[in-house]
Amino acid sequence: MTAQILKCQVHRRTDLEGKTLYFMIYSGSRSRSHRFFRPGTPPHIPPFEGASAWFEVERGHRGEWRFLRQVTGTGR
């Protein structure tokens, strides 16, 4: 089985002082509508500015996530 390449919008959630608490992706699945990622732990999300950014993401056949690069545009 091969890996799947997707475009995902990553949302940064911060505390009142601006410190990043976690990153979130809306997956669109009814059973798991969100996917959360902790800063500083694998998979590493490349740095970006602002509250959200689009990334090309490789999804492995065992459920691994790998953020390849930041992209422009919207949609999947």
N, C-alpha and C. Protein backbone atom coordinates (compact mmCIF):
# COMPACT_ATOMS: atom_id res chain seq x y z
N MET A 1 0.84 -1.18 0.00
CA MET A 1 0.00 0.00 0.00
C MET A 1 0.89 1.25 0.00
N THR A 2 0.54 2.24 -0.77
CA THR A 2 1.36 3.44 -0.88
C THR A 2 0.85 4.55 0.05
N ALA A 3 1.72 5.50 0.28
CA ALA A 3 1.36 6.65 1.10
C ALA A 3 0.44 7.57 0.31
N GLN A 4 -0.35 8.33 1.02
CA GLN A 4 -1.30 9.25 0.41
C GLN A 4 -0.83 10.68 0.69
N ILE A 5 -0.84 11.53 -0.34
CA ILE A 5 -0.46 12.94 -0.19
C ILE A 5 -1.75 13.77 -0.15
N LEU A 6 -1.89 14.57 0.89
CA LEU A 6 -3.08 15.40 1.08
C LEU A 6 -2.68 16.85 1.30
N LYS A 7 -3.62 17.76 1.09
CA LYS A 7 -3.46 19.16 1.48
C LYS A 7 -4.31 19.35 2.71
N CYS A 8 -3.71 19.81 3.81
CA CYS A 8 -4.43 20.00 5.07
C CYS A 8 -4.17 21.40 5.61
N GLN A 9 -5.22 21.99 6.17
CA GLN A 9 -5.05 23.28 6.83
C GLN A 9 -4.79 23.02 8.31
N VAL A 10 -3.65 23.51 8.79
CA VAL A 10 -3.25 23.35 10.18
C VAL A 10 -3.60 24.62 10.93
N HIS A 11 -4.32 24.46 12.04
CA HIS A 11 -4.73 25.60 12.87
C HIS A 11 -3.90 25.60 14.15
N ARG A 12 -3.37 26.76 14.49
CA ARG A 12 -2.59 26.91 15.72
C ARG A 12 -3.53 27.43 16.81
N ARG A 13 -3.50 26.78 17.98
CA ARG A 13 -4.26 27.24 19.14
C ARG A 13 -3.28 27.72 20.19
N THR A 14 -3.52 28.93 20.69
CA THR A 14 -2.58 29.57 21.61
C THR A 14 -3.28 29.95 22.91
N ASP A 15 -2.46 30.21 23.95
CA ASP A 15 -3.02 30.76 25.19
C ASP A 15 -3.11 32.28 25.04
N LEU A 16 -3.51 32.97 26.10
CA LEU A 16 -3.68 34.42 26.04
C LEU A 16 -2.38 35.17 25.80
N GLU A 17 -1.25 34.58 26.14
CA GLU A 17 0.04 35.23 25.93
C GLU A 17 0.64 34.92 24.57
N GLY A 18 -0.02 34.11 23.76
CA GLY A 18 0.47 33.80 22.43
C GLY A 18 1.30 32.53 22.33
N LYS A 19 1.47 31.80 23.43
CA LYS A 19 2.24 30.55 23.40
C LYS A 19 1.39 29.45 22.75
N THR A 20 2.00 28.72 21.83
CA THR A 20 1.28 27.66 21.13
C THR A 20 0.99 26.51 22.07
N LEU A 21 -0.29 26.15 22.19
CA LEU A 21 -0.71 25.03 23.03
C LEU A 21 -0.73 23.73 22.22
N TYR A 22 -1.30 23.80 21.02
CA TYR A 22 -1.39 22.63 20.15
C TYR A 22 -1.75 23.07 18.74
N PHE A 23 -1.62 22.14 17.81
CA PHE A 23 -2.04 22.33 16.42
C PHE A 23 -3.20 21.40 16.16
N MET A 24 -4.09 21.79 15.25
CA MET A 24 -5.28 21.00 14.99
C MET A 24 -5.59 20.98 13.50
N ILE A 25 -6.06 19.84 13.03
CA ILE A 25 -6.54 19.69 11.66
C ILE A 25 -7.97 19.19 11.74
N TYR A 26 -8.87 19.82 11.00
CA TYR A 26 -10.23 19.32 10.86
C TYR A 26 -10.20 18.23 9.79
N SER A 27 -10.50 17.01 10.18
CA SER A 27 -10.36 15.91 9.23
C SER A 27 -11.60 15.69 8.38
N GLY A 28 -12.75 16.12 8.83
CA GLY A 28 -13.97 15.94 8.05
C GLY A 28 -14.62 14.58 8.26
N SER A 29 -14.03 13.74 9.08
CA SER A 29 -14.59 12.43 9.37
C SER A 29 -15.61 12.56 10.49
N ARG A 30 -16.70 11.83 10.42
CA ARG A 30 -17.70 11.90 11.48
C ARG A 30 -17.21 11.26 12.77
N SER A 31 -16.41 10.22 12.64
CA SER A 31 -15.95 9.53 13.84
C SER A 31 -14.78 10.26 14.52
N ARG A 32 -13.92 10.86 13.74
CA ARG A 32 -12.77 11.62 14.26
C ARG A 32 -12.69 12.94 13.50
N SER A 33 -13.42 13.92 13.98
CA SER A 33 -13.53 15.17 13.23
C SER A 33 -12.32 16.09 13.37
N HIS A 34 -11.43 15.82 14.33
CA HIS A 34 -10.23 16.63 14.55
C HIS A 34 -9.03 15.73 14.78
N ARG A 35 -7.88 16.25 14.44
CA ARG A 35 -6.60 15.57 14.75
C ARG A 35 -5.73 16.60 15.42
N PHE A 36 -5.18 16.27 16.59
CA PHE A 36 -4.38 17.20 17.38
C PHE A 36 -2.92 16.80 17.37
N PHE A 37 -2.03 17.81 17.39
CA PHE A 37 -0.58 17.60 17.41
C PHE A 37 0.03 18.52 18.46
N ARG A 38 0.92 17.99 19.27
CA ARG A 38 1.63 18.79 20.27
C ARG A 38 2.87 19.42 19.65
N PRO A 39 3.16 20.68 19.99
CA PRO A 39 4.39 21.30 19.48
C PRO A 39 5.62 20.60 20.06
N GLY A 40 6.64 20.43 19.23
CA GLY A 40 7.89 19.85 19.69
C GLY A 40 7.93 18.34 19.74
N THR A 41 6.85 17.67 19.33
CA THR A 41 6.84 16.21 19.31
C THR A 41 6.53 15.74 17.89
N PRO A 42 6.98 14.56 17.53
CA PRO A 42 6.68 14.06 16.17
C PRO A 42 5.19 13.85 15.99
N PRO A 43 4.67 14.06 14.80
CA PRO A 43 5.37 14.59 13.64
C PRO A 43 5.59 16.09 13.78
N HIS A 44 6.72 16.57 13.33
CA HIS A 44 7.06 17.98 13.47
C HIS A 44 6.38 18.79 12.37
N ILE A 45 5.68 19.83 12.79
CA ILE A 45 5.02 20.73 11.86
C ILE A 45 5.97 21.88 11.60
N PRO A 46 6.29 22.15 10.33
CA PRO A 46 7.21 23.25 10.02
C PRO A 46 6.66 24.58 10.55
N PRO A 47 7.53 25.49 10.94
CA PRO A 47 7.07 26.78 11.46
C PRO A 47 6.28 27.56 10.40
N PHE A 48 5.27 28.27 10.88
CA PHE A 48 4.48 29.13 9.99
C PHE A 48 3.98 30.32 10.79
N GLU A 49 3.60 31.37 10.08
CA GLU A 49 3.11 32.59 10.71
C GLU A 49 1.59 32.60 10.66
N GLY A 50 0.99 33.25 11.63
CA GLY A 50 -0.46 33.38 11.65
C GLY A 50 -1.15 32.25 12.39
N ALA A 51 -2.48 32.28 12.32
CA ALA A 51 -3.30 31.31 13.04
C ALA A 51 -3.42 29.98 12.32
N SER A 52 -3.24 29.98 10.99
CA SER A 52 -3.35 28.72 10.25
C SER A 52 -2.53 28.80 8.96
N ALA A 53 -2.25 27.62 8.42
CA ALA A 53 -1.50 27.53 7.16
C ALA A 53 -1.83 26.18 6.51
N TRP A 54 -1.66 26.13 5.18
CA TRP A 54 -1.89 24.90 4.43
C TRP A 54 -0.57 24.17 4.23
N PHE A 55 -0.62 22.85 4.37
CA PHE A 55 0.55 22.01 4.20
C PHE A 55 0.23 20.81 3.33
N GLU A 56 1.24 20.37 2.60
CA GLU A 56 1.17 19.09 1.92
C GLU A 56 1.60 18.05 2.95
N VAL A 57 0.77 17.04 3.14
CA VAL A 57 0.99 16.05 4.20
C VAL A 57 0.99 14.65 3.59
N GLU A 58 1.95 13.86 4.00
CA GLU A 58 2.00 12.47 3.56
C GLU A 58 1.43 11.60 4.68
N ARG A 59 0.41 10.82 4.33
CA ARG A 59 -0.18 9.89 5.29
C ARG A 59 0.28 8.49 4.95
N GLY A 60 1.01 7.87 5.86
CA GLY A 60 1.52 6.52 5.65
C GLY A 60 0.43 5.47 5.80
N HIS A 61 0.71 4.28 5.34
CA HIS A 61 -0.29 3.22 5.40
C HIS A 61 -0.55 2.74 6.82
N ARG A 62 0.31 3.08 7.74
CA ARG A 62 0.11 2.74 9.15
C ARG A 62 -0.40 3.93 9.97
N GLY A 63 -0.83 4.98 9.31
CA GLY A 63 -1.39 6.13 10.00
C GLY A 63 -0.39 7.21 10.37
N GLU A 64 0.87 7.08 9.91
CA GLU A 64 1.86 8.11 10.23
C GLU A 64 1.55 9.40 9.46
N TRP A 65 1.90 10.51 10.07
CA TRP A 65 1.75 11.82 9.44
C TRP A 65 3.14 12.39 9.22
N ARG A 66 3.37 12.96 8.02
CA ARG A 66 4.64 13.64 7.74
C ARG A 66 4.32 14.91 6.97
N PHE A 67 4.66 16.05 7.57
CA PHE A 67 4.40 17.35 6.96
C PHE A 67 5.54 17.66 6.01
N LEU A 68 5.24 17.71 4.70
CA LEU A 68 6.27 17.85 3.69
C LEU A 68 6.68 19.30 3.47
N ARG A 69 5.71 20.15 3.20
CA ARG A 69 6.01 21.57 2.94
C ARG A 69 4.74 22.40 3.02
N GLN A 70 4.93 23.69 3.26
CA GLN A 70 3.82 24.62 3.28
C GLN A 70 3.45 24.96 1.85
N VAL A 71 2.15 25.03 1.57
CA VAL A 71 1.66 25.33 0.23
C VAL A 71 0.67 26.47 0.31
N THR A 72 0.40 27.09 -0.81
CA THR A 72 -0.59 28.15 -0.87
C THR A 72 -1.89 27.55 -1.42
N GLY A 73 -2.96 28.24 -1.19
CA GLY A 73 -4.23 27.79 -1.72
C GLY A 73 -5.04 27.04 -0.68
N THR A 74 -6.21 26.65 -1.13
CA THR A 74 -7.13 25.94 -0.25
C THR A 74 -7.63 24.70 -0.95
N GLY A 75 -8.36 23.91 -0.23
CA GLY A 75 -8.97 22.71 -0.80
C GLY A 75 -8.10 21.50 -0.59
N ARG A 76 -8.66 20.37 -0.94
CA ARG A 76 -7.96 19.09 -0.78
C ARG A 76 -7.56 18.53 -2.10
